[in-house]
Amino acid sequence: MNAPRIRPATGIDAARCAEIYRPFVTGTWVSFETDPPDAAEMARRIASCTQTHAWLVAEEPDGVISAYAYGGPHRARAAYAASCDVTVYVDPAFARRGLGRALYGALMPMLKDKGAHAAFAGIALPNAASVALHEAMGFTAIGVYREVGWKLGSWRDVGWWQRVL
């Protein structure tokens, strides 16, 4: 099996990124969004993100986008400028192939080169796979927001992990 190519995302990838993300919005508490973004909104997000940070996709040898990851601003205030939030989404059909590691392995140096000092990941709990990925990539648990979001009929906790770049 040939490895996917990790490359910067463009607006052309927006529809596929939206397709990958949709089930995480509609059927899980992994994302706290309640309405999945369409391709146009995803294209806007990619364009905005890549102005200051980075958005990468994993492109399979046949051209299918199987996963994506990005880093974006952590908070709006100026003192947070060197901190970023990161996330990765993998199409379940391509899970357990190391795509999250490959994407983060490429993303973290890019974010550092763009001036990021620390990366943060908010993980809706429970999510053992995401926790394992982030810890394998050098993130350390730093705290939990208890009952911070209401989704799918229950209060949800969000754990926070940090990696100094």
C-alpha atoms as a PDB file:
ATOM      1  CA  MET A   1       0.000   0.000   0.000  1.00  0.00           C
ATOM      2  CA  ASN A   2       1.426   3.381  -0.999  1.00  0.00           C
ATOM      3  CA  ALA A   3       1.540   6.089   1.620  1.00  0.00           C
ATOM      4  CA  PRO A   4      -0.626   9.163   1.131  1.00  0.00           C
ATOM      5  CA  ARG A   5       0.982  12.446   0.184  1.00  0.00           C
ATOM      6  CA  ILE A   6       0.774  15.137   2.873  1.00  0.00           C
ATOM      7  CA  ARG A   7       0.313  18.539   1.261  1.00  0.00           C
ATOM      8  CA  PRO A   8      -1.127  21.993   1.946  1.00  0.00           C
ATOM      9  CA  ALA A   9      -4.887  22.212   1.521  1.00  0.00           C
ATOM     10  CA  THR A  10      -6.474  24.441  -1.103  1.00  0.00           C
ATOM     11  CA  GLY A  11     -10.024  25.514  -1.784  1.00  0.00           C
ATOM     12  CA  ILE A  12     -10.343  22.552  -4.137  1.00  0.00           C
ATOM     13  CA  ASP A  13     -10.128  20.269  -1.077  1.00  0.00           C
ATOM     14  CA  ALA A  14     -12.952  22.028   0.763  1.00  0.00           C
ATOM     15  CA  ALA A  15     -15.814  19.763  -0.331  1.00  0.00           C
ATOM     16  CA  ARG A  16     -13.936  16.620   0.699  1.00  0.00           C
ATOM     17  CA  CYS A  17     -12.863  18.142   4.024  1.00  0.00           C
ATOM     18  CA  ALA A  18     -16.507  19.058   4.671  1.00  0.00           C
ATOM     19  CA  GLU A  19     -17.528  15.499   3.795  1.00  0.00           C
ATOM     20  CA  ILE A  20     -14.983  14.023   6.229  1.00  0.00           C
ATOM     21  CA  TYR A  21     -16.049  16.426   8.983  1.00  0.00           C
ATOM     22  CA  ARG A  22     -19.846  16.111   8.568  1.00  0.00           C
ATOM     23  CA  PRO A  23     -20.359  12.828  10.500  1.00  0.00           C
ATOM     24  CA  PHE A  24     -18.259  14.122  13.402  1.00  0.00           C
ATOM     25  CA  VAL A  25     -20.650  17.089  13.648  1.00  0.00           C
ATOM     26  CA  THR A  26     -23.938  15.271  13.126  1.00  0.00           C
ATOM     27  CA  GLY A  27     -23.346  11.961  14.885  1.00  0.00           C
ATOM     28  CA  THR A  28     -20.761  12.498  17.622  1.00  0.00           C
ATOM     29  CA  TRP A  29     -19.750  14.907  20.348  1.00  0.00           C
ATOM     30  CA  VAL A  30     -16.193  15.055  18.929  1.00  0.00           C
ATOM     31  CA  SER A  31     -17.077  18.419  17.413  1.00  0.00           C
ATOM     32  CA  PHE A  32     -19.200  20.891  19.303  1.00  0.00           C
ATOM     33  CA  GLU A  33     -20.592  22.317  16.089  1.00  0.00           C
ATOM     34  CA  THR A  34     -24.207  21.356  15.520  1.00  0.00           C
ATOM     35  CA  ASP A  35     -24.565  22.283  11.845  1.00  0.00           C
ATOM     36  CA  PRO A  36     -21.946  20.863   9.496  1.00  0.00           C
ATOM     37  CA  PRO A  37     -20.242  23.452   7.308  1.00  0.00           C
ATOM     38  CA  ASP A  38     -20.764  23.151   3.573  1.00  0.00           C
ATOM     39  CA  ALA A  39     -17.984  23.254   0.980  1.00  0.00           C
ATOM     40  CA  ALA A  40     -18.135  27.051   0.666  1.00  0.00           C
ATOM     41  CA  GLU A  41     -17.743  27.548   4.412  1.00  0.00           C
ATOM     42  CA  MET A  42     -14.944  24.991   4.553  1.00  0.00           C
ATOM     43  CA  ALA A  43     -13.182  26.815   1.690  1.00  0.00           C
ATOM     44  CA  ARG A  44     -13.490  30.052   3.672  1.00  0.00           C
ATOM     45  CA  ARG A  45     -11.983  28.347   6.731  1.00  0.00           C
ATOM     46  CA  ILE A  46      -9.075  26.920   4.734  1.00  0.00           C
ATOM     47  CA  ALA A  47      -8.331  30.314   3.175  1.00  0.00           C
ATOM     48  CA  SER A  48      -8.500  32.090   6.533  1.00  0.00           C
ATOM     49  CA  CYS A  49      -6.397  29.495   8.327  1.00  0.00           C
ATOM     50  CA  THR A  50      -3.649  29.382   5.745  1.00  0.00           C
ATOM     51  CA  GLN A  51      -3.140  33.154   5.905  1.00  0.00           C
ATOM     52  CA  THR A  52      -1.518  32.825   9.329  1.00  0.00           C
ATOM     53  CA  HIS A  53      -1.206  29.135  10.180  1.00  0.00           C
ATOM     54  CA  ALA A  54      -1.432  25.891   8.186  1.00  0.00           C
ATOM     55  CA  TRP A  55      -3.978  23.353   6.917  1.00  0.00           C
ATOM     56  CA  LEU A  56      -2.790  20.033   5.501  1.00  0.00           C
ATOM     57  CA  VAL A  57      -4.512  17.122   3.789  1.00  0.00           C
ATOM     58  CA  ALA A  58      -3.538  13.483   3.320  1.00  0.00           C
ATOM     59  CA  GLU A  59      -4.050  12.640  -0.342  1.00  0.00           C
ATOM     60  CA  GLU A  60      -4.172   8.962  -1.257  1.00  0.00           C
ATOM     61  CA  PRO A  61      -2.402   7.727  -4.417  1.00  0.00           C
ATOM     62  CA  ASP A  62      -5.776   7.679  -6.207  1.00  0.00           C
ATOM     63  CA  GLY A  63      -6.337  11.369  -5.350  1.00  0.00           C
ATOM     64  CA  VAL A  64      -8.879  10.851  -2.541  1.00  0.00           C
ATOM     65  CA  ILE A  65      -8.407  13.064   0.522  1.00  0.00           C
ATOM     66  CA  SER A  66      -8.456  10.686   3.496  1.00  0.00           C
ATOM     67  CA  ALA A  67      -7.745  13.094   6.378  1.00  0.00           C
ATOM     68  CA  TYR A  68      -6.860  16.654   7.251  1.00  0.00           C
ATOM     69  CA  ALA A  69      -5.272  18.622  10.067  1.00  0.00           C
ATOM     70  CA  TYR A  70      -4.820  22.282  10.780  1.00  0.00           C
ATOM     71  CA  GLY A  71      -3.586  24.810  13.256  1.00  0.00           C
ATOM     72  CA  GLY A  72      -5.283  28.115  13.919  1.00  0.00           C
ATOM     73  CA  PRO A  73      -5.358  30.916  16.457  1.00  0.00           C
ATOM     74  CA  HIS A  74      -5.765  29.890  20.085  1.00  0.00           C
ATOM     75  CA  ARG A  75      -7.453  33.105  21.225  1.00  0.00           C
ATOM     76  CA  ALA A  76      -7.943  36.572  19.760  1.00  0.00           C
ATOM     77  CA  ARG A  77      -5.953  38.696  22.211  1.00  0.00           C
ATOM     78  CA  ALA A  78      -2.440  39.718  21.141  1.00  0.00           C
ATOM     79  CA  ALA A  79      -0.628  37.947  23.974  1.00  0.00           C
ATOM     80  CA  TYR A  80      -1.892  34.606  22.617  1.00  0.00           C
ATOM     81  CA  ALA A  81      -0.424  35.181  19.132  1.00  0.00           C
ATOM     82  CA  ALA A  82       2.304  32.535  19.538  1.00  0.00           C
ATOM     83  CA  SER A  83      -0.185  29.887  20.694  1.00  0.00           C
ATOM     84  CA  CYS A  84      -2.330  27.846  18.331  1.00  0.00           C
ATOM     85  CA  ASP A  85      -5.080  25.260  18.467  1.00  0.00           C
ATOM     86  CA  VAL A  86      -4.667  22.116  16.386  1.00  0.00           C
ATOM     87  CA  THR A  87      -7.009  19.408  15.239  1.00  0.00           C
ATOM     88  CA  VAL A  88      -7.056  16.398  12.953  1.00  0.00           C
ATOM     89  CA  TYR A  89      -9.949  14.560  11.298  1.00  0.00           C
ATOM     90  CA  VAL A  90      -9.601  11.191   9.597  1.00  0.00           C
ATOM     91  CA  ASP A  91     -12.254   9.600   7.395  1.00  0.00           C
ATOM     92  CA  PRO A  92     -13.211   6.446   9.362  1.00  0.00           C
ATOM     93  CA  ALA A  93     -12.684   4.367   6.210  1.00  0.00           C
ATOM     94  CA  PHE A  94      -8.978   5.283   6.477  1.00  0.00           C
ATOM     95  CA  ALA A  95      -8.607   5.040  10.270  1.00  0.00           C
ATOM     96  CA  ARG A  96      -5.769   3.226  12.053  1.00  0.00           C
ATOM     97  CA  ARG A  97      -3.253   3.863   9.254  1.00  0.00           C
ATOM     98  CA  GLY A  98      -1.136   6.514  10.974  1.00  0.00           C
ATOM     99  CA  LEU A  99      -2.659   9.442   9.092  1.00  0.00           C
ATOM    100  CA  GLY A 100      -3.051  11.562  12.221  1.00  0.00           C
ATOM    101  CA  ARG A 101       0.607  11.050  13.102  1.00  0.00           C
ATOM    102  CA  ALA A 102       1.731  11.800   9.553  1.00  0.00           C
ATOM    103  CA  LEU A 103      -0.328  14.981   9.385  1.00  0.00           C
ATOM    104  CA  TYR A 104       0.774  16.225  12.796  1.00  0.00           C
ATOM    105  CA  GLY A 105       4.363  15.257  12.006  1.00  0.00           C
ATOM    106  CA  ALA A 106       4.258  17.679   9.078  1.00  0.00           C
ATOM    107  CA  LEU A 107       2.023  20.300  10.712  1.00  0.00           C
ATOM    108  CA  MET A 108       3.954  20.976  13.922  1.00  0.00           C
ATOM    109  CA  PRO A 109       7.193  22.104  12.217  1.00  0.00           C
ATOM    110  CA  MET A 110       5.188  24.306   9.842  1.00  0.00           C
ATOM    111  CA  LEU A 111       3.447  25.998  12.757  1.00  0.00           C
ATOM    112  CA  LYS A 112       6.763  26.499  14.542  1.00  0.00           C
ATOM    113  CA  ASP A 113       8.233  28.042  11.390  1.00  0.00           C
ATOM    114  CA  LYS A 114       5.276  30.443  11.322  1.00  0.00           C
ATOM    115  CA  GLY A 115       6.068  31.595  14.863  1.00  0.00           C
ATOM    116  CA  ALA A 116       3.939  29.291  16.995  1.00  0.00           C
ATOM    117  CA  HIS A 117       5.439  28.499  20.395  1.00  0.00           C
ATOM    118  CA  ALA A 118       2.769  26.201  21.836  1.00  0.00           C
ATOM    119  CA  ALA A 119       0.030  24.050  20.328  1.00  0.00           C
ATOM    120  CA  PHE A 120      -3.169  23.170  22.181  1.00  0.00           C
ATOM    121  CA  ALA A 121      -5.698  20.446  21.462  1.00  0.00           C
ATOM    122  CA  GLY A 122      -9.178  20.415  22.959  1.00  0.00           C
ATOM    123  CA  ILE A 123     -10.568  16.874  23.016  1.00  0.00           C
ATOM    124  CA  ALA A 124     -14.213  16.180  23.772  1.00  0.00           C
ATOM    125  CA  LEU A 125     -14.207  13.333  26.259  1.00  0.00           C
ATOM    126  CA  PRO A 126     -14.231  10.409  26.208  1.00  0.00           C
ATOM    127  CA  ASN A 127     -12.108   9.937  23.089  1.00  0.00           C
ATOM    128  CA  ALA A 128      -9.362   7.396  23.759  1.00  0.00           C
ATOM    129  CA  ALA A 129      -8.085   7.387  20.170  1.00  0.00           C
ATOM    130  CA  SER A 130      -7.567  11.157  20.082  1.00  0.00           C
ATOM    131  CA  VAL A 131      -5.959  11.193  23.520  1.00  0.00           C
ATOM    132  CA  ALA A 132      -3.581   8.418  22.440  1.00  0.00           C
ATOM    133  CA  LEU A 133      -2.669  10.240  19.216  1.00  0.00           C
ATOM    134  CA  HIS A 134      -1.956  13.532  20.953  1.00  0.00           C
ATOM    135  CA  GLU A 135       0.089  11.940  23.712  1.00  0.00           C
ATOM    136  CA  ALA A 136       2.062   9.928  21.136  1.00  0.00           C
ATOM    137  CA  MET A 137       2.801  13.234  19.384  1.00  0.00           C
ATOM    138  CA  GLY A 138       4.233  14.796  22.543  1.00  0.00           C
ATOM    139  CA  PHE A 139       1.181  16.552  23.946  1.00  0.00           C
ATOM    140  CA  THR A 140       0.679  16.618  27.724  1.00  0.00           C
ATOM    141  CA  ALA A 141      -2.682  16.759  29.504  1.00  0.00           C
ATOM    142  CA  ILE A 142      -3.116  20.131  31.202  1.00  0.00           C
ATOM    143  CA  GLY A 143      -6.724  20.184  32.381  1.00  0.00           C
ATOM    144  CA  VAL A 144     -10.390  19.520  31.793  1.00  0.00           C
ATOM    145  CA  TYR A 145     -13.320  21.878  31.273  1.00  0.00           C
ATOM    146  CA  ARG A 146     -16.117  19.962  33.006  1.00  0.00           C
ATOM    147  CA  GLU A 147     -19.600  19.970  31.464  1.00  0.00           C
ATOM    148  CA  VAL A 148     -18.608  22.780  29.090  1.00  0.00           C
ATOM    149  CA  GLY A 149     -20.781  21.756  26.130  1.00  0.00           C
ATOM    150  CA  TRP A 150     -24.220  20.258  25.637  1.00  0.00           C
ATOM    151  CA  LYS A 151     -24.425  17.837  22.725  1.00  0.00           C
ATOM    152  CA  LEU A 152     -26.427  14.726  21.892  1.00  0.00           C
ATOM    153  CA  GLY A 153     -28.478  14.980  25.055  1.00  0.00           C
ATOM    154  CA  SER A 154     -25.678  15.232  27.602  1.00  0.00           C
ATOM    155  CA  TRP A 155     -23.157  17.598  29.090  1.00  0.00           C
ATOM    156  CA  ARG A 156     -19.696  17.017  27.645  1.00  0.00           C
ATOM    157  CA  ASP A 157     -16.239  17.566  29.102  1.00  0.00           C
ATOM    158  CA  VAL A 158     -13.308  18.859  27.069  1.00  0.00           C
ATOM    159  CA  GLY A 159      -9.784  17.891  28.013  1.00  0.00           C
ATOM    160  CA  TRP A 160      -6.904  20.136  27.002  1.00  0.00           C
ATOM    161  CA  TRP A 161      -3.496  18.942  25.871  1.00  0.00           C
ATOM    162  CA  GLN A 162      -0.444  21.110  25.186  1.00  0.00           C
ATOM    163  CA  ARG A 163       2.782  20.698  23.245  1.00  0.00           C
ATOM    164  CA  VAL A 164       5.530  23.308  23.335  1.00  0.00           C
ATOM    165  CA  LEU A 165       6.930  23.506  19.833  1.00  0.00           C
END
